Amino acid sequence: MDVKTAIETRRAIKQFDPQHKMTEAETNELISLAMLSPTAFNIQNWRFLLVNDAALREQIRAVAGDQPQVTEASLLVVLCADLNAWQEEPARYWRNAPAEVIDYVVPAIDGYYRGREQVQRDEAMRSCGIAAQTLMLAARGMGYDSCPMDGFDFDAVAKLINLPKDHVITMFVAVGKGLRQPWPRAGQLPMEEVTINNRF
């Protein structure tokens, strides 16, 4: 499927075939594609927690408004971010770069993030949002449907998955074989309302 078609046909699907299983190879391909998403300074702060345990999925569904896609999707990804990725051996993010690039960029990472907790969190949210969109478009390109999700108790899910204290949950992405056609698009705003040239 070409990118344009994937964008045009990607919809938030709520009903998935609970009998369908993705292969390990498909899951690996999907996550590998999502890992090509950009991050500031290439710190790759997203973490893709794959919930395979059926009992854990039931527990998550119980604190997620009983949304059926939590247990019925072939794959449930809890998209998290490591807020301290910027300081965890940052040279490894640039190991294939020329020495002069490493000498410039690696110290800049520390200078940009240290002592700026809001920036660390903002970057985490941006990075995971980009990764989620990449994940959903890659899934569509592979013939799967998806649903970005919040509507859950973030603290309760954090406890269920043993979320480290220096990580945050940003969202879920459910992936699988949709059972129903989505409703027609509810209504896009006109381009002239959402596009501004130069200044408001």
N, C-alpha and C. Protein backbone atom coordinates (compact mmCIF):
# COMPACT_ATOMS: atom_id res chain seq x y z
N MET A 1 0.86 -1.19 0.00
CA MET A 1 0.00 0.00 0.00
C MET A 1 0.90 1.24 0.00
N ASP A 2 0.59 2.21 -0.87
CA ASP A 2 1.39 3.42 -0.90
C ASP A 2 1.04 4.31 0.29
N VAL A 3 1.91 5.24 0.60
CA VAL A 3 1.75 6.07 1.80
C VAL A 3 0.46 6.89 1.74
N LYS A 4 0.15 7.45 0.59
CA LYS A 4 -1.06 8.27 0.45
C LYS A 4 -2.30 7.45 0.79
N THR A 5 -2.38 6.24 0.28
CA THR A 5 -3.54 5.38 0.55
C THR A 5 -3.60 5.01 2.02
N ALA A 6 -2.44 4.73 2.61
CA ALA A 6 -2.41 4.39 4.04
C ALA A 6 -2.94 5.55 4.87
N ILE A 7 -2.54 6.77 4.54
CA ILE A 7 -3.02 7.95 5.28
C ILE A 7 -4.52 8.12 5.09
N GLU A 8 -4.97 7.97 3.85
CA GLU A 8 -6.40 8.19 3.56
C GLU A 8 -7.29 7.13 4.17
N THR A 9 -6.80 5.91 4.34
CA THR A 9 -7.65 4.81 4.81
C THR A 9 -7.44 4.45 6.28
N ARG A 10 -6.44 5.08 6.93
CA ARG A 10 -6.25 4.82 8.35
C ARG A 10 -7.40 5.45 9.13
N ARG A 11 -8.06 4.64 9.94
CA ARG A 11 -9.15 5.12 10.79
C ARG A 11 -9.00 4.50 12.17
N ALA A 12 -9.59 5.13 13.17
CA ALA A 12 -9.58 4.58 14.52
C ALA A 12 -10.66 3.50 14.60
N ILE A 13 -10.23 2.25 14.66
CA ILE A 13 -11.15 1.11 14.67
C ILE A 13 -11.33 0.63 16.10
N LYS A 14 -12.58 0.39 16.48
CA LYS A 14 -12.88 0.00 17.87
C LYS A 14 -13.15 -1.48 18.04
N GLN A 15 -13.56 -2.17 16.96
CA GLN A 15 -13.91 -3.59 17.05
C GLN A 15 -12.91 -4.42 16.24
N PHE A 16 -12.22 -5.31 16.94
CA PHE A 16 -11.22 -6.16 16.30
C PHE A 16 -11.61 -7.62 16.41
N ASP A 17 -11.10 -8.42 15.48
CA ASP A 17 -11.31 -9.86 15.52
C ASP A 17 -10.43 -10.46 16.62
N PRO A 18 -11.05 -10.91 17.73
CA PRO A 18 -10.24 -11.42 18.85
C PRO A 18 -9.54 -12.73 18.55
N GLN A 19 -9.94 -13.42 17.47
CA GLN A 19 -9.32 -14.69 17.12
C GLN A 19 -8.05 -14.51 16.29
N HIS A 20 -7.89 -13.33 15.70
CA HIS A 20 -6.74 -13.12 14.82
C HIS A 20 -5.47 -12.90 15.64
N LYS A 21 -4.41 -13.55 15.25
CA LYS A 21 -3.11 -13.41 15.90
C LYS A 21 -2.10 -12.88 14.88
N MET A 22 -1.33 -11.91 15.28
CA MET A 22 -0.23 -11.46 14.46
C MET A 22 0.96 -12.37 14.71
N THR A 23 1.75 -12.62 13.67
CA THR A 23 2.94 -13.43 13.86
C THR A 23 4.02 -12.60 14.54
N GLU A 24 4.98 -13.28 15.10
CA GLU A 24 6.11 -12.58 15.72
C GLU A 24 6.85 -11.75 14.68
N ALA A 25 6.97 -12.29 13.48
CA ALA A 25 7.65 -11.56 12.40
C ALA A 25 6.90 -10.27 12.06
N GLU A 26 5.57 -10.34 12.02
CA GLU A 26 4.78 -9.13 11.74
C GLU A 26 4.94 -8.09 12.84
N THR A 27 4.91 -8.54 14.08
CA THR A 27 5.08 -7.61 15.20
C THR A 27 6.46 -6.96 15.14
N ASN A 28 7.47 -7.77 14.89
CA ASN A 28 8.82 -7.23 14.80
C ASN A 28 8.96 -6.23 13.66
N GLU A 29 8.33 -6.53 12.53
CA GLU A 29 8.38 -5.59 11.40
C GLU A 29 7.71 -4.28 11.77
N LEU A 30 6.56 -4.37 12.42
CA LEU A 30 5.81 -3.18 12.79
C LEU A 30 6.61 -2.31 13.75
N ILE A 31 7.19 -2.92 14.78
CA ILE A 31 7.96 -2.14 15.74
C ILE A 31 9.24 -1.59 15.10
N SER A 32 9.85 -2.37 14.22
CA SER A 32 11.04 -1.89 13.51
C SER A 32 10.75 -0.64 12.69
N LEU A 33 9.59 -0.62 12.06
CA LEU A 33 9.19 0.56 11.29
C LEU A 33 8.92 1.75 12.21
N ALA A 34 8.24 1.50 13.33
CA ALA A 34 7.96 2.58 14.28
C ALA A 34 9.26 3.16 14.84
N MET A 35 10.28 2.32 14.97
CA MET A 35 11.57 2.77 15.50
C MET A 35 12.32 3.68 14.54
N LEU A 36 11.83 3.83 13.33
CA LEU A 36 12.43 4.77 12.39
C LEU A 36 11.88 6.19 12.57
N SER A 37 10.96 6.34 13.52
CA SER A 37 10.39 7.66 13.80
C SER A 37 11.48 8.59 14.33
N PRO A 38 11.38 9.87 13.98
CA PRO A 38 12.40 10.81 14.47
C PRO A 38 12.21 11.16 15.94
N THR A 39 13.33 11.46 16.60
CA THR A 39 13.31 12.00 17.96
C THR A 39 14.35 13.11 18.04
N ALA A 40 14.13 14.06 18.91
CA ALA A 40 15.09 15.15 19.08
C ALA A 40 16.43 14.58 19.52
N PHE A 41 17.50 15.04 18.91
CA PHE A 41 18.86 14.58 19.21
C PHE A 41 19.02 13.07 19.04
N ASN A 42 18.08 12.43 18.37
CA ASN A 42 18.11 10.98 18.14
C ASN A 42 18.16 10.18 19.44
N ILE A 43 17.54 10.70 20.51
CA ILE A 43 17.63 10.01 21.81
C ILE A 43 16.69 8.80 21.90
N GLN A 44 15.80 8.64 20.94
CA GLN A 44 14.97 7.42 20.86
C GLN A 44 14.33 7.10 22.22
N ASN A 45 13.64 8.09 22.77
CA ASN A 45 13.10 7.97 24.13
C ASN A 45 11.80 7.19 24.21
N TRP A 46 11.26 6.75 23.09
CA TRP A 46 10.05 5.92 23.15
C TRP A 46 10.38 4.51 23.60
N ARG A 47 9.40 3.91 24.29
CA ARG A 47 9.50 2.51 24.71
C ARG A 47 8.17 1.85 24.35
N PHE A 48 8.23 0.76 23.61
CA PHE A 48 7.04 0.08 23.12
C PHE A 48 6.77 -1.14 24.01
N LEU A 49 5.87 -1.00 24.96
CA LEU A 49 5.54 -2.12 25.84
C LEU A 49 4.44 -2.94 25.18
N LEU A 50 4.74 -4.18 24.82
CA LEU A 50 3.80 -5.05 24.13
C LEU A 50 3.11 -5.93 25.17
N VAL A 51 1.81 -5.80 25.27
CA VAL A 51 1.06 -6.58 26.27
C VAL A 51 0.54 -7.84 25.61
N ASN A 52 1.20 -8.96 25.90
CA ASN A 52 0.83 -10.26 25.33
C ASN A 52 0.05 -11.13 26.31
N ASP A 53 0.18 -10.85 27.58
CA ASP A 53 -0.45 -11.66 28.61
C ASP A 53 -1.95 -11.37 28.68
N ALA A 54 -2.77 -12.39 28.45
CA ALA A 54 -4.23 -12.21 28.39
C ALA A 54 -4.80 -11.71 29.72
N ALA A 55 -4.29 -12.24 30.83
CA ALA A 55 -4.78 -11.81 32.13
C ALA A 55 -4.45 -10.35 32.39
N LEU A 56 -3.25 -9.92 32.00
CA LEU A 56 -2.87 -8.53 32.17
C LEU A 56 -3.73 -7.63 31.29
N ARG A 57 -4.03 -8.09 30.10
CA ARG A 57 -4.91 -7.29 29.23
C ARG A 57 -6.28 -7.10 29.87
N GLU A 58 -6.81 -8.13 30.49
CA GLU A 58 -8.10 -8.02 31.18
C GLU A 58 -8.01 -7.00 32.31
N GLN A 59 -6.91 -7.01 33.04
CA GLN A 59 -6.74 -6.04 34.12
C GLN A 59 -6.65 -4.62 33.58
N ILE A 60 -5.96 -4.46 32.47
CA ILE A 60 -5.85 -3.13 31.86
C ILE A 60 -7.21 -2.68 31.34
N ARG A 61 -7.95 -3.60 30.72
CA ARG A 61 -9.28 -3.24 30.22
C ARG A 61 -10.18 -2.75 31.36
N ALA A 62 -10.04 -3.36 32.53
CA ALA A 62 -10.88 -2.98 33.67
C ALA A 62 -10.62 -1.54 34.13
N VAL A 63 -9.42 -1.01 33.86
CA VAL A 63 -9.13 0.38 34.24
C VAL A 63 -9.07 1.28 33.01
N ALA A 64 -9.61 0.78 31.90
CA ALA A 64 -9.63 1.53 30.64
C ALA A 64 -11.06 1.67 30.12
N GLY A 65 -11.98 1.86 31.05
CA GLY A 65 -13.37 2.08 30.64
C GLY A 65 -13.98 0.90 29.92
N ASP A 66 -13.45 -0.30 30.16
CA ASP A 66 -13.95 -1.53 29.52
C ASP A 66 -13.93 -1.44 28.00
N GLN A 67 -12.98 -0.70 27.45
CA GLN A 67 -12.89 -0.58 26.00
C GLN A 67 -12.46 -1.93 25.41
N PRO A 68 -13.27 -2.48 24.51
CA PRO A 68 -13.03 -3.85 24.04
C PRO A 68 -11.74 -4.03 23.26
N GLN A 69 -11.25 -2.98 22.61
CA GLN A 69 -10.04 -3.15 21.80
C GLN A 69 -8.82 -3.51 22.65
N VAL A 70 -8.86 -3.24 23.96
CA VAL A 70 -7.74 -3.59 24.82
C VAL A 70 -7.49 -5.10 24.81
N THR A 71 -8.55 -5.88 24.84
CA THR A 71 -8.39 -7.34 24.88
C THR A 71 -8.59 -7.98 23.52
N GLU A 72 -9.29 -7.33 22.60
CA GLU A 72 -9.63 -7.97 21.33
C GLU A 72 -8.64 -7.71 20.20
N ALA A 73 -7.85 -6.66 20.32
CA ALA A 73 -6.86 -6.38 19.27
C ALA A 73 -5.77 -7.45 19.29
N SER A 74 -5.18 -7.68 18.15
CA SER A 74 -4.09 -8.66 18.06
C SER A 74 -2.87 -8.20 18.86
N LEU A 75 -2.66 -6.90 18.88
CA LEU A 75 -1.49 -6.34 19.55
C LEU A 75 -1.91 -5.10 20.33
N LEU A 76 -1.51 -5.04 21.60
CA LEU A 76 -1.73 -3.84 22.40
C LEU A 76 -0.37 -3.28 22.76
N VAL A 77 -0.11 -2.06 22.30
CA VAL A 77 1.14 -1.38 22.60
C VAL A 77 0.85 -0.28 23.60
N VAL A 78 1.51 -0.34 24.75
CA VAL A 78 1.47 0.77 25.70
C VAL A 78 2.71 1.61 25.37
N LEU A 79 2.47 2.77 24.79
CA LEU A 79 3.57 3.60 24.33
C LEU A 79 4.03 4.48 25.49
N CYS A 80 5.26 4.25 25.91
CA CYS A 80 5.83 4.95 27.06
C CYS A 80 7.05 5.74 26.60
N ALA A 81 7.55 6.59 27.49
CA ALA A 81 8.77 7.33 27.19
C ALA A 81 9.68 7.31 28.40
N ASP A 82 10.96 7.15 28.13
CA ASP A 82 12.00 7.24 29.14
C ASP A 82 12.43 8.70 29.24
N LEU A 83 12.07 9.36 30.34
CA LEU A 83 12.36 10.78 30.49
C LEU A 83 13.85 11.05 30.65
N ASN A 84 14.62 10.04 31.00
CA ASN A 84 16.05 10.21 31.21
C ASN A 84 16.90 9.68 30.05
N ALA A 85 16.25 9.37 28.94
CA ALA A 85 17.01 8.83 27.81
C ALA A 85 18.14 9.77 27.38
N TRP A 86 17.93 11.05 27.56
CA TRP A 86 18.93 12.05 27.14
C TRP A 86 20.27 11.89 27.86
N GLN A 87 20.25 11.30 29.07
CA GLN A 87 21.49 11.20 29.83
C GLN A 87 21.99 9.76 29.99
N GLU A 88 21.38 8.83 29.30
CA GLU A 88 21.76 7.41 29.40
C GLU A 88 22.73 7.05 28.28
N GLU A 89 24.01 7.28 28.54
CA GLU A 89 25.06 7.03 27.55
C GLU A 89 24.71 7.66 26.20
N PRO A 90 24.55 8.97 26.16
CA PRO A 90 24.08 9.62 24.93
C PRO A 90 24.98 9.44 23.72
N ALA A 91 26.24 9.13 23.93
CA ALA A 91 27.13 8.92 22.77
C ALA A 91 26.67 7.75 21.91
N ARG A 92 25.94 6.79 22.51
CA ARG A 92 25.50 5.62 21.73
C ARG A 92 24.49 6.00 20.65
N TYR A 93 23.78 7.12 20.84
CA TYR A 93 22.80 7.55 19.84
C TYR A 93 23.49 8.08 18.57
N TRP A 94 24.78 8.37 18.69
CA TRP A 94 25.52 8.98 17.58
C TRP A 94 26.76 8.16 17.23
N ARG A 95 26.77 6.88 17.60
CA ARG A 95 27.97 6.06 17.45
C ARG A 95 28.43 5.92 16.00
N ASN A 96 27.54 6.09 15.03
CA ASN A 96 27.92 5.94 13.63
C ASN A 96 28.23 7.26 12.94
N ALA A 97 28.18 8.35 13.71
CA ALA A 97 28.42 9.67 13.13
C ALA A 97 29.91 9.98 13.10
N PRO A 98 30.32 10.91 12.25
CA PRO A 98 31.73 11.33 12.24
C PRO A 98 32.12 11.94 13.60
N ALA A 99 33.38 11.85 13.94
CA ALA A 99 33.87 12.31 15.25
C ALA A 99 33.52 13.77 15.52
N GLU A 100 33.64 14.62 14.49
CA GLU A 100 33.35 16.04 14.71
C GLU A 100 31.87 16.28 15.03
N VAL A 101 31.00 15.43 14.49
CA VAL A 101 29.57 15.53 14.81
C VAL A 101 29.32 15.08 16.25
N ILE A 102 29.93 13.97 16.62
CA ILE A 102 29.80 13.46 17.99
C ILE A 102 30.28 14.50 18.99
N ASP A 103 31.43 15.11 18.71
CA ASP A 103 32.00 16.10 19.63
C ASP A 103 31.11 17.32 19.80
N TYR A 104 30.32 17.62 18.79
CA TYR A 104 29.41 18.78 18.87
C TYR A 104 28.06 18.41 19.48
N VAL A 105 27.46 17.29 19.00
CA VAL A 105 26.09 16.97 19.37
C VAL A 105 25.95 16.41 20.77
N VAL A 106 26.83 15.50 21.17
CA VAL A 106 26.66 14.82 22.46
C VAL A 106 26.67 15.81 23.63
N PRO A 107 27.60 16.76 23.70
CA PRO A 107 27.52 17.75 24.78
C PRO A 107 26.28 18.63 24.67
N ALA A 108 25.80 18.86 23.46
CA ALA A 108 24.60 19.70 23.27
C ALA A 108 23.37 19.03 23.87
N ILE A 109 23.32 17.71 23.86
CA ILE A 109 22.19 16.98 24.45
C ILE A 109 22.07 17.34 25.92
N ASP A 110 23.18 17.24 26.64
CA ASP A 110 23.17 17.56 28.06
C ASP A 110 22.78 19.02 28.29
N GLY A 111 23.33 19.90 27.50
CA GLY A 111 23.03 21.31 27.64
C GLY A 111 21.57 21.64 27.41
N TYR A 112 20.95 20.88 26.52
CA TYR A 112 19.54 21.16 26.18
C TYR A 112 18.58 20.64 27.24
N TYR A 113 18.85 19.46 27.81
CA TYR A 113 17.88 18.81 28.70
C TYR A 113 18.13 19.00 30.19
N ARG A 114 19.36 19.13 30.61
CA ARG A 114 19.66 19.14 32.05
C ARG A 114 18.93 20.27 32.77
N GLY A 115 18.22 19.89 33.84
CA GLY A 115 17.49 20.87 34.64
C GLY A 115 16.22 21.39 34.00
N ARG A 116 15.81 20.81 32.89
CA ARG A 116 14.62 21.29 32.18
C ARG A 116 13.58 20.16 32.10
N GLU A 117 12.96 19.88 33.24
CA GLU A 117 12.03 18.75 33.34
C GLU A 117 10.84 18.88 32.39
N GLN A 118 10.34 20.10 32.21
CA GLN A 118 9.20 20.28 31.30
C GLN A 118 9.60 19.98 29.87
N VAL A 119 10.80 20.37 29.49
CA VAL A 119 11.30 20.07 28.14
C VAL A 119 11.44 18.57 27.96
N GLN A 120 11.96 17.89 28.97
CA GLN A 120 12.10 16.44 28.90
C GLN A 120 10.75 15.78 28.66
N ARG A 121 9.73 16.24 29.40
CA ARG A 121 8.39 15.66 29.24
C ARG A 121 7.77 16.04 27.89
N ASP A 122 7.93 17.30 27.51
CA ASP A 122 7.36 17.73 26.22
C ASP A 122 7.97 16.93 25.07
N GLU A 123 9.28 16.72 25.10
CA GLU A 123 9.91 15.94 24.05
C GLU A 123 9.42 14.50 24.05
N ALA A 124 9.18 13.95 25.25
CA ALA A 124 8.65 12.59 25.34
C ALA A 124 7.30 12.49 24.65
N MET A 125 6.44 13.45 24.91
CA MET A 125 5.10 13.43 24.31
C MET A 125 5.17 13.60 22.80
N ARG A 126 6.02 14.51 22.34
CA ARG A 126 6.17 14.70 20.89
C ARG A 126 6.70 13.44 20.24
N SER A 127 7.75 12.88 20.82
CA SER A 127 8.37 11.69 20.23
C SER A 127 7.39 10.53 20.15
N CYS A 128 6.65 10.31 21.23
CA CYS A 128 5.70 9.19 21.24
C CYS A 128 4.52 9.45 20.30
N GLY A 129 4.11 10.70 20.16
CA GLY A 129 3.04 11.01 19.22
C GLY A 129 3.46 10.71 17.79
N ILE A 130 4.69 11.08 17.44
CA ILE A 130 5.20 10.79 16.11
C ILE A 130 5.31 9.27 15.91
N ALA A 131 5.83 8.58 16.93
CA ALA A 131 5.98 7.12 16.83
C ALA A 131 4.63 6.44 16.69
N ALA A 132 3.62 6.92 17.41
CA ALA A 132 2.29 6.33 17.32
C ALA A 132 1.73 6.46 15.91
N GLN A 133 1.91 7.63 15.30
CA GLN A 133 1.41 7.81 13.94
C GLN A 133 2.17 6.91 12.97
N THR A 134 3.47 6.80 13.13
CA THR A 134 4.24 5.90 12.28
C THR A 134 3.76 4.47 12.45
N LEU A 135 3.53 4.06 13.70
CA LEU A 135 3.05 2.72 14.00
C LEU A 135 1.71 2.46 13.30
N MET A 136 0.80 3.41 13.38
CA MET A 136 -0.53 3.21 12.79
C MET A 136 -0.48 3.18 11.27
N LEU A 137 0.35 4.02 10.67
CA LEU A 137 0.46 4.01 9.20
C LEU A 137 1.18 2.75 8.72
N ALA A 138 2.17 2.31 9.48
CA ALA A 138 2.85 1.06 9.12
C ALA A 138 1.88 -0.11 9.22
N ALA A 139 1.06 -0.12 10.26
CA ALA A 139 0.05 -1.17 10.41
C ALA A 139 -0.90 -1.17 9.23
N ARG A 140 -1.34 0.02 8.85
CA ARG A 140 -2.26 0.12 7.70
C ARG A 140 -1.59 -0.41 6.44
N GLY A 141 -0.33 -0.06 6.25
CA GLY A 141 0.40 -0.54 5.09
C GLY A 141 0.56 -2.05 5.06
N MET A 142 0.51 -2.67 6.25
CA MET A 142 0.62 -4.13 6.36
C MET A 142 -0.76 -4.81 6.31
N GLY A 143 -1.81 -4.01 6.11
CA GLY A 143 -3.15 -4.57 6.02
C GLY A 143 -3.88 -4.67 7.35
N TYR A 144 -3.36 -3.99 8.38
CA TYR A 144 -3.99 -4.01 9.69
C TYR A 144 -4.68 -2.70 9.99
N ASP A 145 -5.58 -2.75 10.95
CA ASP A 145 -6.26 -1.57 11.45
C ASP A 145 -5.68 -1.22 12.81
N SER A 146 -5.99 -0.02 13.29
CA SER A 146 -5.42 0.41 14.57
C SER A 146 -6.35 1.40 15.26
N CYS A 147 -6.03 1.66 16.51
CA CYS A 147 -6.79 2.64 17.28
C CYS A 147 -5.86 3.29 18.30
N PRO A 148 -5.66 4.61 18.22
CA PRO A 148 -4.92 5.30 19.28
C PRO A 148 -5.86 5.46 20.48
N MET A 149 -5.34 5.28 21.67
CA MET A 149 -6.23 5.26 22.84
C MET A 149 -5.65 6.04 24.02
N ASP A 150 -6.56 6.77 24.68
CA ASP A 150 -6.34 7.15 26.06
C ASP A 150 -7.58 6.66 26.80
N GLY A 151 -8.23 7.46 27.58
CA GLY A 151 -9.44 6.98 28.24
C GLY A 151 -9.18 5.85 29.21
N PHE A 152 -8.01 5.89 29.87
CA PHE A 152 -7.69 4.88 30.86
C PHE A 152 -7.07 5.56 32.07
N ASP A 153 -7.01 4.85 33.17
CA ASP A 153 -6.41 5.35 34.39
C ASP A 153 -4.90 5.17 34.28
N PHE A 154 -4.20 6.26 34.01
CA PHE A 154 -2.76 6.20 33.77
C PHE A 154 -2.01 5.64 34.97
N ASP A 155 -2.40 6.06 36.18
CA ASP A 155 -1.71 5.59 37.38
C ASP A 155 -1.94 4.09 37.59
N ALA A 156 -3.17 3.63 37.36
CA ALA A 156 -3.47 2.21 37.54
C ALA A 156 -2.71 1.36 36.53
N VAL A 157 -2.66 1.82 35.28
CA VAL A 157 -1.91 1.07 34.26
C VAL A 157 -0.42 1.07 34.59
N ALA A 158 0.08 2.20 35.07
CA ALA A 158 1.49 2.26 35.46
C ALA A 158 1.83 1.20 36.50
N LYS A 159 0.95 1.01 37.46
CA LYS A 159 1.18 -0.02 38.48
C LYS A 159 1.12 -1.42 37.88
N LEU A 160 0.17 -1.64 36.98
CA LEU A 160 0.00 -2.96 36.38
C LEU A 160 1.21 -3.38 35.55
N ILE A 161 1.85 -2.41 34.91
CA ILE A 161 2.99 -2.74 34.03
C ILE A 161 4.33 -2.49 34.71
N ASN A 162 4.31 -2.14 35.99
CA ASN A 162 5.56 -1.85 36.72
C ASN A 162 6.36 -0.74 36.05
N LEU A 163 5.68 0.33 35.69
CA LEU A 163 6.34 1.44 34.98
C LEU A 163 7.45 2.04 35.86
N PRO A 164 8.67 2.14 35.33
CA PRO A 164 9.73 2.79 36.11
C PRO A 164 9.37 4.24 36.43
N LYS A 165 9.90 4.75 37.53
CA LYS A 165 9.55 6.09 37.99
C LYS A 165 9.99 7.19 37.02
N ASP A 166 11.02 6.91 36.24
CA ASP A 166 11.50 7.92 35.29
C ASP A 166 10.91 7.75 33.89
N HIS A 167 9.81 7.00 33.80
CA HIS A 167 9.09 6.83 32.53
C HIS A 167 7.68 7.40 32.67
N VAL A 168 7.08 7.73 31.53
CA VAL A 168 5.67 8.14 31.50
C VAL A 168 4.95 7.33 30.42
N ILE A 169 3.67 7.09 30.66
CA ILE A 169 2.81 6.49 29.63
C ILE A 169 2.23 7.63 28.82
N THR A 170 2.29 7.52 27.50
CA THR A 170 1.72 8.56 26.66
C THR A 170 0.37 8.15 26.07
N MET A 171 0.23 6.90 25.67
CA MET A 171 -1.00 6.43 25.03
C MET A 171 -0.91 4.93 24.79
N PHE A 172 -2.02 4.35 24.35
CA PHE A 172 -2.03 2.98 23.83
C PHE A 172 -2.20 3.07 22.32
N VAL A 173 -1.73 2.05 21.62
CA VAL A 173 -2.11 1.82 20.23
C VAL A 173 -2.51 0.36 20.12
N ALA A 174 -3.77 0.12 19.74
CA ALA A 174 -4.27 -1.23 19.50
C ALA A 174 -4.18 -1.51 18.01
N VAL A 175 -3.73 -2.72 17.65
CA VAL A 175 -3.54 -3.09 16.24
C VAL A 175 -4.17 -4.46 16.02
N GLY A 176 -4.87 -4.62 14.91
CA GLY A 176 -5.44 -5.93 14.59
C GLY A 176 -6.28 -5.88 13.34
N LYS A 177 -7.11 -6.91 13.18
CA LYS A 177 -8.02 -6.99 12.04
C LYS A 177 -9.38 -6.44 12.45
N GLY A 178 -9.75 -5.32 11.85
CA GLY A 178 -11.03 -4.71 12.18
C GLY A 178 -12.20 -5.57 11.73
N LEU A 179 -13.26 -5.56 12.52
CA LEU A 179 -14.45 -6.34 12.19
C LEU A 179 -15.51 -5.52 11.46
N ARG A 180 -15.50 -4.23 11.66
CA ARG A 180 -16.54 -3.38 11.06
C ARG A 180 -15.91 -2.22 10.32
N GLN A 181 -16.62 -1.76 9.32
CA GLN A 181 -16.21 -0.54 8.64
C GLN A 181 -16.41 0.63 9.60
N PRO A 182 -15.51 1.58 9.60
CA PRO A 182 -15.72 2.75 10.46
C PRO A 182 -16.87 3.60 9.95
N TRP A 183 -17.39 4.41 10.83
CA TRP A 183 -18.38 5.39 10.40
C TRP A 183 -17.75 6.31 9.37
N PRO A 184 -18.58 6.94 8.54
CA PRO A 184 -18.01 7.95 7.63
C PRO A 184 -17.28 9.02 8.45
N ARG A 185 -16.28 9.63 7.86
CA ARG A 185 -15.56 10.67 8.59
C ARG A 185 -16.54 11.72 9.08
N ALA A 186 -16.39 12.09 10.33
CA ALA A 186 -17.39 12.94 11.00
C ALA A 186 -17.43 14.35 10.45
N GLY A 187 -16.35 14.80 9.87
CA GLY A 187 -16.35 16.15 9.31
C GLY A 187 -15.01 16.84 9.51
N GLN A 188 -14.29 17.03 8.44
CA GLN A 188 -13.01 17.72 8.51
C GLN A 188 -13.25 19.23 8.43
N LEU A 189 -12.50 19.99 9.19
CA LEU A 189 -12.57 21.44 9.08
C LEU A 189 -12.01 21.87 7.73
N PRO A 190 -12.47 22.98 7.19
CA PRO A 190 -11.92 23.45 5.92
C PRO A 190 -10.45 23.85 6.07
N MET A 191 -9.68 23.65 5.03
CA MET A 191 -8.26 23.94 5.08
C MET A 191 -7.98 25.38 5.47
N GLU A 192 -8.83 26.31 4.98
CA GLU A 192 -8.58 27.72 5.29
C GLU A 192 -8.76 28.04 6.78
N GLU A 193 -9.46 27.19 7.51
CA GLU A 193 -9.61 27.42 8.95
C GLU A 193 -8.40 26.94 9.74
N VAL A 194 -7.70 25.96 9.23
CA VAL A 194 -6.60 25.37 9.99
C VAL A 194 -5.22 25.74 9.45
N THR A 195 -5.19 26.47 8.35
CA THR A 195 -3.92 26.87 7.74
C THR A 195 -3.74 28.37 7.88
N ILE A 196 -2.62 28.77 8.47
CA ILE A 196 -2.32 30.18 8.67
C ILE A 196 -1.00 30.48 7.99
N ASN A 197 -0.93 31.55 7.25
CA ASN A 197 0.31 31.94 6.59
C ASN A 197 1.03 33.00 7.40
N ASN A 198 2.21 32.65 7.82
CA ASN A 198 3.15 33.56 8.47
C ASN A 198 2.79 33.99 9.88
N ARG A 199 1.66 34.62 10.10
CA ARG A 199 1.28 35.08 11.44
C ARG A 199 -0.21 34.95 11.63
N PHE A 200 -0.61 34.75 12.90
CA PHE A 200 -2.05 34.77 13.20
C PHE A 200 -2.55 36.20 13.07
